[in-house]
Amino acid sequence: MNDRSTATPTDPFAPVRAPPRGRSVLVVLAVLAAVVAAIGGLAPIAGPIGMVLGLVAHLKGSRFGMPATVLAGVATLVGFTVAMLLR
């Protein structure tokens, strides 16, 4: 018998299933930017950067991307509030 007749056909153009890469690094960077925004005094710069990094991680499939985005947004508000109170 021929071995090819029993083999299942595979599509050479089918997409390869691979886990997304770099999503956890983006979440860590987003949380780090949130911490810098809250206590580092760089809320206008680090806050939006953290939010963008969190959104990109969320779009890449990380389950912690959206919480990191929200954390960066809240940290931005906290950073602005602390800066205004210390003036």
PDB file of N, CA and C in Angstrom:
ATOM      1  N   MET A   1       0.815  -1.180   0.000  1.00  0.00           N
ATOM      2  CA  MET A   1       0.000   0.000   0.000  1.00  0.00           C
ATOM      3  C   MET A   1       0.864   1.251   0.000  1.00  0.00           C
ATOM      4  N   ASN A   2       0.228   2.315  -0.370  1.00  0.00           N
ATOM      5  CA  ASN A   2       0.915   3.589  -0.439  1.00  0.00           C
ATOM      6  C   ASN A   2       0.685   4.352   0.871  1.00  0.00           C
ATOM      7  N   ASP A   3       1.746   4.898   1.464  1.00  0.00           N
ATOM      8  CA  ASP A   3       1.625   5.633   2.723  1.00  0.00           C
ATOM      9  C   ASP A   3       0.907   6.962   2.538  1.00  0.00           C
ATOM     10  N   ARG A   4       0.943   7.485   1.366  1.00  0.00           N
ATOM     11  CA  ARG A   4       0.302   8.783   1.138  1.00  0.00           C
ATOM     12  C   ARG A   4      -1.209   8.699   1.138  1.00  0.00           C
ATOM     13  N   SER A   5      -1.764   7.565   0.867  1.00  0.00           N
ATOM     14  CA  SER A   5      -3.224   7.447   0.827  1.00  0.00           C
ATOM     15  C   SER A   5      -3.830   7.506   2.226  1.00  0.00           C
ATOM     16  N   THR A   6      -3.087   7.109   3.256  1.00  0.00           N
ATOM     17  CA  THR A   6      -3.618   7.137   4.612  1.00  0.00           C
ATOM     18  C   THR A   6      -3.271   8.419   5.360  1.00  0.00           C
ATOM     19  N   ALA A   7      -2.349   9.196   4.837  1.00  0.00           N
ATOM     20  CA  ALA A   7      -1.955  10.433   5.514  1.00  0.00           C
ATOM     21  C   ALA A   7      -3.021  11.500   5.301  1.00  0.00           C
ATOM     22  N   THR A   8      -3.199  12.338   6.310  1.00  0.00           N
ATOM     23  CA  THR A   8      -4.160  13.427   6.179  1.00  0.00           C
ATOM     24  C   THR A   8      -3.508  14.565   5.395  1.00  0.00           C
ATOM     25  N   PRO A   9      -4.248  15.159   4.498  1.00  0.00           N
ATOM     26  CA  PRO A   9      -3.671  16.257   3.721  1.00  0.00           C
ATOM     27  C   PRO A   9      -3.511  17.501   4.594  1.00  0.00           C
ATOM     28  N   THR A  10      -2.445  18.195   4.402  1.00  0.00           N
ATOM     29  CA  THR A  10      -2.215  19.446   5.130  1.00  0.00           C
ATOM     30  C   THR A  10      -2.146  20.591   4.138  1.00  0.00           C
ATOM     31  N   ASP A  11      -2.624  21.705   4.579  1.00  0.00           N
ATOM     32  CA  ASP A  11      -2.607  22.899   3.741  1.00  0.00           C
ATOM     33  C   ASP A  11      -1.283  23.625   3.957  1.00  0.00           C
ATOM     34  N   PRO A  12      -0.467  23.750   2.915  1.00  0.00           N
ATOM     35  CA  PRO A  12       0.823  24.424   3.104  1.00  0.00           C
ATOM     36  C   PRO A  12       0.682  25.924   3.345  1.00  0.00           C
ATOM     37  N   PHE A  13      -0.497  26.474   3.071  1.00  0.00           N
ATOM     38  CA  PHE A  13      -0.694  27.910   3.238  1.00  0.00           C
ATOM     39  C   PHE A  13      -1.499  28.246   4.492  1.00  0.00           C
ATOM     40  N   ALA A  14      -1.759  27.268   5.334  1.00  0.00           N
ATOM     41  CA  ALA A  14      -2.502  27.502   6.563  1.00  0.00           C
ATOM     42  C   ALA A  14      -1.630  28.293   7.535  1.00  0.00           C
ATOM     43  N   PRO A  15      -2.230  29.197   8.306  1.00  0.00           N
ATOM     44  CA  PRO A  15      -1.430  29.969   9.264  1.00  0.00           C
ATOM     45  C   PRO A  15      -0.869  29.062  10.357  1.00  0.00           C
ATOM     46  N   VAL A  16       0.302  29.390  10.795  1.00  0.00           N
ATOM     47  CA  VAL A  16       0.959  28.632  11.847  1.00  0.00           C
ATOM     48  C   VAL A  16       0.470  29.144  13.191  1.00  0.00           C
ATOM     49  N   ARG A  17       0.086  28.243  14.059  1.00  0.00           N
ATOM     50  CA  ARG A  17      -0.368  28.646  15.393  1.00  0.00           C
ATOM     51  C   ARG A  17       0.853  28.822  16.281  1.00  0.00           C
ATOM     52  N   ALA A  18       1.090  30.051  16.664  1.00  0.00           N
ATOM     53  CA  ALA A  18       2.215  30.364  17.539  1.00  0.00           C
ATOM     54  C   ALA A  18       1.751  31.375  18.569  1.00  0.00           C
ATOM     55  N   PRO A  19       2.240  31.261  19.791  1.00  0.00           N
ATOM     56  CA  PRO A  19       1.830  32.242  20.802  1.00  0.00           C
ATOM     57  C   PRO A  19       2.406  33.612  20.486  1.00  0.00           C
ATOM     58  N   PRO A  20       1.658  34.671  20.789  1.00  0.00           N
ATOM     59  CA  PRO A  20       2.171  36.023  20.562  1.00  0.00           C
ATOM     60  C   PRO A  20       3.424  36.264  21.389  1.00  0.00           C
ATOM     61  N   ARG A  21       4.332  37.004  20.825  1.00  0.00           N
ATOM     62  CA  ARG A  21       5.595  37.266  21.500  1.00  0.00           C
ATOM     63  C   ARG A  21       5.641  38.704  21.992  1.00  0.00           C
ATOM     64  N   GLY A  22       6.274  38.909  23.135  1.00  0.00           N
ATOM     65  CA  GLY A  22       6.511  40.245  23.631  1.00  0.00           C
ATOM     66  C   GLY A  22       5.379  40.883  24.388  1.00  0.00           C
ATOM     67  N   ARG A  23       4.324  40.146  24.648  1.00  0.00           N
ATOM     68  CA  ARG A  23       3.191  40.786  25.313  1.00  0.00           C
ATOM     69  C   ARG A  23       3.431  40.995  26.797  1.00  0.00           C
ATOM     70  N   SER A  24       4.139  40.076  27.449  1.00  0.00           N
ATOM     71  CA  SER A  24       4.383  40.259  28.879  1.00  0.00           C
ATOM     72  C   SER A  24       5.398  41.377  29.122  1.00  0.00           C
ATOM     73  N   VAL A  25       6.319  41.557  28.204  1.00  0.00           N
ATOM     74  CA  VAL A  25       7.284  42.655  28.326  1.00  0.00           C
ATOM     75  C   VAL A  25       6.556  43.992  28.241  1.00  0.00           C
ATOM     76  N   LEU A  26       5.583  44.076  27.368  1.00  0.00           N
ATOM     77  CA  LEU A  26       4.820  45.318  27.229  1.00  0.00           C
ATOM     78  C   LEU A  26       4.011  45.614  28.487  1.00  0.00           C
ATOM     79  N   VAL A  27       3.464  44.581  29.104  1.00  0.00           N
ATOM     80  CA  VAL A  27       2.698  44.784  30.337  1.00  0.00           C
ATOM     81  C   VAL A  27       3.615  45.277  31.445  1.00  0.00           C
ATOM     82  N   VAL A  28       4.790  44.687  31.560  1.00  0.00           N
ATOM     83  CA  VAL A  28       5.737  45.109  32.595  1.00  0.00           C
ATOM     84  C   VAL A  28       6.161  46.557  32.361  1.00  0.00           C
ATOM     85  N   LEU A  29       6.418  46.920  31.119  1.00  0.00           N
ATOM     86  CA  LEU A  29       6.791  48.302  30.817  1.00  0.00           C
ATOM     87  C   LEU A  29       5.642  49.266  31.100  1.00  0.00           C
ATOM     88  N   ALA A  30       4.408  48.846  30.826  1.00  0.00           N
ATOM     89  CA  ALA A  30       3.254  49.699  31.111  1.00  0.00           C
ATOM     90  C   ALA A  30       3.095  49.926  32.607  1.00  0.00           C
ATOM     91  N   VAL A  31       3.282  48.890  33.403  1.00  0.00           N
ATOM     92  CA  VAL A  31       3.172  49.037  34.859  1.00  0.00           C
ATOM     93  C   VAL A  31       4.320  49.892  35.388  1.00  0.00           C
ATOM     94  N   LEU A  32       5.503  49.712  34.845  1.00  0.00           N
ATOM     95  CA  LEU A  32       6.643  50.532  35.250  1.00  0.00           C
ATOM     96  C   LEU A  32       6.398  52.006  34.922  1.00  0.00           C
ATOM     97  N   ALA A  33       5.838  52.266  33.748  1.00  0.00           N
ATOM     98  CA  ALA A  33       5.508  53.647  33.388  1.00  0.00           C
ATOM     99  C   ALA A  33       4.427  54.203  34.309  1.00  0.00           C
ATOM    100  N   ALA A  34       3.489  53.353  34.745  1.00  0.00           N
ATOM    101  CA  ALA A  34       2.454  53.801  35.677  1.00  0.00           C
ATOM    102  C   ALA A  34       3.057  54.189  37.019  1.00  0.00           C
ATOM    103  N   VAL A  35       4.017  53.413  37.486  1.00  0.00           N
ATOM    104  CA  VAL A  35       4.667  53.739  38.764  1.00  0.00           C
ATOM    105  C   VAL A  35       5.435  55.047  38.643  1.00  0.00           C
ATOM    106  N   VAL A  36       6.129  55.222  37.532  1.00  0.00           N
ATOM    107  CA  VAL A  36       6.879  56.471  37.322  1.00  0.00           C
ATOM    108  C   VAL A  36       5.921  57.653  37.232  1.00  0.00           C
ATOM    109  N   ALA A  37       4.767  57.441  36.609  1.00  0.00           N
ATOM    110  CA  ALA A  37       3.785  58.523  36.496  1.00  0.00           C
ATOM    111  C   ALA A  37       3.205  58.900  37.853  1.00  0.00           C
ATOM    112  N   ALA A  38       3.017  57.914  38.716  1.00  0.00           N
ATOM    113  CA  ALA A  38       2.388  58.188  40.004  1.00  0.00           C
ATOM    114  C   ALA A  38       3.345  58.829  40.989  1.00  0.00           C
ATOM    115  N   ILE A  39       4.567  58.323  41.087  1.00  0.00           N
ATOM    116  CA  ILE A  39       5.457  58.816  42.131  1.00  0.00           C
ATOM    117  C   ILE A  39       6.725  59.466  41.602  1.00  0.00           C
ATOM    118  N   GLY A  40       6.932  59.408  40.312  1.00  0.00           N
ATOM    119  CA  GLY A  40       8.158  59.973  39.764  1.00  0.00           C
ATOM    120  C   GLY A  40       8.031  61.407  39.313  1.00  0.00           C
ATOM    121  N   GLY A  41       6.809  61.914  39.243  1.00  0.00           N
ATOM    122  CA  GLY A  41       6.613  63.294  38.825  1.00  0.00           C
ATOM    123  C   GLY A  41       6.605  63.485  37.318  1.00  0.00           C
ATOM    124  N   LEU A  42       6.541  62.414  36.577  1.00  0.00           N
ATOM    125  CA  LEU A  42       6.531  62.515  35.107  1.00  0.00           C
ATOM    126  C   LEU A  42       5.184  62.070  34.537  1.00  0.00           C
ATOM    127  N   ALA A  43       4.111  62.460  35.176  1.00  0.00           N
ATOM    128  CA  ALA A  43       2.776  62.030  34.768  1.00  0.00           C
ATOM    129  C   ALA A  43       2.421  62.419  33.337  1.00  0.00           C
ATOM    130  N   PRO A  44       2.766  63.617  32.852  1.00  0.00           N
ATOM    131  CA  PRO A  44       2.371  63.959  31.483  1.00  0.00           C
ATOM    132  C   PRO A  44       3.091  63.128  30.420  1.00  0.00           C
ATOM    133  N   ILE A  45       4.225  62.569  30.766  1.00  0.00           N
ATOM    134  CA  ILE A  45       4.995  61.799  29.780  1.00  0.00           C
ATOM    135  C   ILE A  45       4.796  60.303  29.984  1.00  0.00           C
ATOM    136  N   ALA A  46       5.019  59.832  31.205  1.00  0.00           N
ATOM    137  CA  ALA A  46       5.001  58.391  31.477  1.00  0.00           C
ATOM    138  C   ALA A  46       3.588  57.815  31.470  1.00  0.00           C
ATOM    139  N   GLY A  47       2.609  58.583  31.855  1.00  0.00           N
ATOM    140  CA  GLY A  47       1.235  58.083  31.894  1.00  0.00           C
ATOM    141  C   GLY A  47       0.701  57.664  30.534  1.00  0.00           C
ATOM    142  N   PRO A  48       0.724  58.562  29.549  1.00  0.00           N
ATOM    143  CA  PRO A  48       0.252  58.152  28.223  1.00  0.00           C
ATOM    144  C   PRO A  48       1.087  57.039  27.598  1.00  0.00           C
ATOM    145  N   ILE A  49       2.380  57.030  27.869  1.00  0.00           N
ATOM    146  CA  ILE A  49       3.226  55.943  27.344  1.00  0.00           C
ATOM    147  C   ILE A  49       2.783  54.609  27.946  1.00  0.00           C
ATOM    148  N   GLY A  50       2.502  54.604  29.244  1.00  0.00           N
ATOM    149  CA  GLY A  50       2.022  53.384  29.890  1.00  0.00           C
ATOM    150  C   GLY A  50       0.682  52.934  29.348  1.00  0.00           C
ATOM    151  N   MET A  51      -0.198  53.900  29.073  1.00  0.00           N
ATOM    152  CA  MET A  51      -1.511  53.541  28.525  1.00  0.00           C
ATOM    153  C   MET A  51      -1.383  52.940  27.133  1.00  0.00           C
ATOM    154  N   VAL A  52      -0.524  53.503  26.306  1.00  0.00           N
ATOM    155  CA  VAL A  52      -0.334  52.977  24.950  1.00  0.00           C
ATOM    156  C   VAL A  52       0.294  51.589  25.006  1.00  0.00           C
ATOM    157  N   LEU A  53       1.291  51.406  25.855  1.00  0.00           N
ATOM    158  CA  LEU A  53       1.917  50.087  25.976  1.00  0.00           C
ATOM    159  C   LEU A  53       0.922  49.041  26.467  1.00  0.00           C
ATOM    160  N   GLY A  54       0.073  49.417  27.409  1.00  0.00           N
ATOM    161  CA  GLY A  54      -0.951  48.494  27.887  1.00  0.00           C
ATOM    162  C   GLY A  54      -1.955  48.130  26.810  1.00  0.00           C
ATOM    163  N   LEU A  55      -2.347  49.110  26.014  1.00  0.00           N
ATOM    164  CA  LEU A  55      -3.283  48.824  24.922  1.00  0.00           C
ATOM    165  C   LEU A  55      -2.669  47.925  23.856  1.00  0.00           C
ATOM    166  N   VAL A  56      -1.410  48.157  23.548  1.00  0.00           N
ATOM    167  CA  VAL A  56      -0.738  47.298  22.563  1.00  0.00           C
ATOM    168  C   VAL A  56      -0.641  45.873  23.100  1.00  0.00           C
ATOM    169  N   ALA A  57      -0.320  45.722  24.377  1.00  0.00           N
ATOM    170  CA  ALA A  57      -0.265  44.384  24.970  1.00  0.00           C
ATOM    171  C   ALA A  57      -1.639  43.725  24.940  1.00  0.00           C
ATOM    172  N   HIS A  58      -2.687  44.506  25.194  1.00  0.00           N
ATOM    173  CA  HIS A  58      -4.051  43.967  25.142  1.00  0.00           C
ATOM    174  C   HIS A  58      -4.398  43.512  23.728  1.00  0.00           C
ATOM    175  N   LEU A  59      -4.037  44.303  22.740  1.00  0.00           N
ATOM    176  CA  LEU A  59      -4.329  43.940  21.355  1.00  0.00           C
ATOM    177  C   LEU A  59      -3.522  42.735  20.889  1.00  0.00           C
ATOM    178  N   LYS A  60      -2.376  42.517  21.497  1.00  0.00           N
ATOM    179  CA  LYS A  60      -1.574  41.334  21.160  1.00  0.00           C
ATOM    180  C   LYS A  60      -2.063  40.078  21.866  1.00  0.00           C
ATOM    181  N   GLY A  61      -3.020  40.215  22.762  1.00  0.00           N
ATOM    182  CA  GLY A  61      -3.616  39.051  23.381  1.00  0.00           C
ATOM    183  C   GLY A  61      -3.256  38.819  24.829  1.00  0.00           C
ATOM    184  N   SER A  62      -2.619  39.775  25.470  1.00  0.00           N
ATOM    185  CA  SER A  62      -2.277  39.605  26.880  1.00  0.00           C
ATOM    186  C   SER A  62      -3.501  39.860  27.738  1.00  0.00           C
ATOM    187  N   ARG A  63      -3.726  38.993  28.708  1.00  0.00           N
ATOM    188  CA  ARG A  63      -4.890  39.191  29.564  1.00  0.00           C
ATOM    189  C   ARG A  63      -4.661  40.283  30.593  1.00  0.00           C
ATOM    190  N   PHE A  64      -3.431  40.728  30.769  1.00  0.00           N
ATOM    191  CA  PHE A  64      -3.115  41.795  31.703  1.00  0.00           C
ATOM    192  C   PHE A  64      -2.922  43.139  31.007  1.00  0.00           C
ATOM    193  N   GLY A  65      -3.147  43.215  29.714  1.00  0.00           N
ATOM    194  CA  GLY A  65      -2.961  44.461  28.977  1.00  0.00           C
ATOM    195  C   GLY A  65      -3.931  45.542  29.375  1.00  0.00           C
ATOM    196  N   MET A  66      -5.211  45.202  29.464  1.00  0.00           N
ATOM    197  CA  MET A  66      -6.219  46.196  29.827  1.00  0.00           C
ATOM    198  C   MET A  66      -6.087  46.637  31.279  1.00  0.00           C
ATOM    199  N   PRO A  67      -5.847  45.734  32.235  1.00  0.00           N
ATOM    200  CA  PRO A  67      -5.608  46.227  33.600  1.00  0.00           C
ATOM    201  C   PRO A  67      -4.385  47.132  33.704  1.00  0.00           C
ATOM    202  N   ALA A  68      -3.348  46.860  32.928  1.00  0.00           N
ATOM    203  CA  ALA A  68      -2.169  47.727  32.932  1.00  0.00           C
ATOM    204  C   ALA A  68      -2.505  49.092  32.353  1.00  0.00           C
ATOM    205  N   THR A  69      -3.381  49.123  31.357  1.00  0.00           N
ATOM    206  CA  THR A  69      -3.810  50.394  30.769  1.00  0.00           C
ATOM    207  C   THR A  69      -4.587  51.221  31.787  1.00  0.00           C
ATOM    208  N   VAL A  70      -5.507  50.581  32.481  1.00  0.00           N
ATOM    209  CA  VAL A  70      -6.300  51.282  33.500  1.00  0.00           C
ATOM    210  C   VAL A  70      -5.397  51.757  34.632  1.00  0.00           C
ATOM    211  N   LEU A  71      -4.452  50.908  35.043  1.00  0.00           N
ATOM    212  CA  LEU A  71      -3.518  51.295  36.088  1.00  0.00           C
ATOM    213  C   LEU A  71      -2.704  52.518  35.671  1.00  0.00           C
ATOM    214  N   ALA A  72      -2.255  52.560  34.437  1.00  0.00           N
ATOM    215  CA  ALA A  72      -1.491  53.716  33.957  1.00  0.00           C
ATOM    216  C   ALA A  72      -2.362  54.972  33.928  1.00  0.00           C
ATOM    217  N   GLY A  73      -3.628  54.834  33.567  1.00  0.00           N
ATOM    218  CA  GLY A  73      -4.525  55.990  33.577  1.00  0.00           C
ATOM    219  C   GLY A  73      -4.769  56.525  34.974  1.00  0.00           C
ATOM    220  N   VAL A  74      -5.005  55.619  35.910  1.00  0.00           N
ATOM    221  CA  VAL A  74      -5.213  56.037  37.298  1.00  0.00           C
ATOM    222  C   VAL A  74      -3.932  56.640  37.868  1.00  0.00           C
ATOM    223  N   ALA A  75      -2.802  56.048  37.549  1.00  0.00           N
ATOM    224  CA  ALA A  75      -1.525  56.575  38.041  1.00  0.00           C
ATOM    225  C   ALA A  75      -1.248  57.956  37.470  1.00  0.00           C
ATOM    226  N   THR A  76      -1.685  58.207  36.259  1.00  0.00           N
ATOM    227  CA  THR A  76      -1.530  59.533  35.675  1.00  0.00           C
ATOM    228  C   THR A  76      -2.349  60.560  36.458  1.00  0.00           C
ATOM    229  N   LEU A  77      -3.582  60.203  36.783  1.00  0.00           N
ATOM    230  CA  LEU A  77      -4.418  61.109  37.580  1.00  0.00           C
ATOM    231  C   LEU A  77      -3.829  61.338  38.967  1.00  0.00           C
ATOM    232  N   VAL A  78      -3.310  60.273  39.573  1.00  0.00           N
ATOM    233  CA  VAL A  78      -2.679  60.406  40.885  1.00  0.00           C
ATOM    234  C   VAL A  78      -1.439  61.285  40.791  1.00  0.00           C
ATOM    235  N   GLY A  79      -0.655  61.088  39.748  1.00  0.00           N
ATOM    236  CA  GLY A  79       0.546  61.906  39.563  1.00  0.00           C
ATOM    237  C   GLY A  79       0.222  63.378  39.387  1.00  0.00           C
ATOM    238  N   PHE A  80      -0.807  63.684  38.602  1.00  0.00           N
ATOM    239  CA  PHE A  80      -1.218  65.078  38.434  1.00  0.00           C
ATOM    240  C   PHE A  80      -1.725  65.657  39.745  1.00  0.00           C
ATOM    241  N   THR A  81      -2.492  64.880  40.498  1.00  0.00           N
ATOM    242  CA  THR A  81      -3.027  65.352  41.766  1.00  0.00           C
ATOM    243  C   THR A  81      -1.904  65.640  42.773  1.00  0.00           C
ATOM    244  N   VAL A  82      -0.966  64.724  42.860  1.00  0.00           N
ATOM    245  CA  VAL A  82       0.156  64.935  43.783  1.00  0.00           C
ATOM    246  C   VAL A  82       0.972  66.154  43.369  1.00  0.00           C
ATOM    247  N   ALA A  83       1.180  66.323  42.087  1.00  0.00           N
ATOM    248  CA  ALA A  83       1.940  67.487  41.619  1.00  0.00           C
ATOM    249  C   ALA A  83       1.224  68.791  41.942  1.00  0.00           C
ATOM    250  N   MET A  84      -0.099  68.785  41.825  1.00  0.00           N
ATOM    251  CA  MET A  84      -0.844  70.013  42.138  1.00  0.00           C
ATOM    252  C   MET A  84      -0.867  70.303  43.629  1.00  0.00           C
ATOM    253  N   LEU A  85      -0.917  69.254  44.454  1.00  0.00           N
ATOM    254  CA  LEU A  85      -0.929  69.456  45.900  1.00  0.00           C
ATOM    255  C   LEU A  85       0.418  69.891  46.443  1.00  0.00           C
ATOM    256  N   LEU A  86       1.480  69.514  45.788  1.00  0.00           N
ATOM    257  CA  LEU A  86       2.821  69.875  46.257  1.00  0.00           C
ATOM    258  C   LEU A  86       3.290  71.227  45.766  1.00  0.00           C
ATOM    259  N   ARG A  87       2.513  71.894  44.954  1.00  0.00           N
ATOM    260  CA  ARG A  87       2.906  73.214  44.459  1.00  0.00           C
ATOM    261  C   ARG A  87       2.790  74.247  45.511  1.00  0.00           C
TER     262      ARG A  87
END
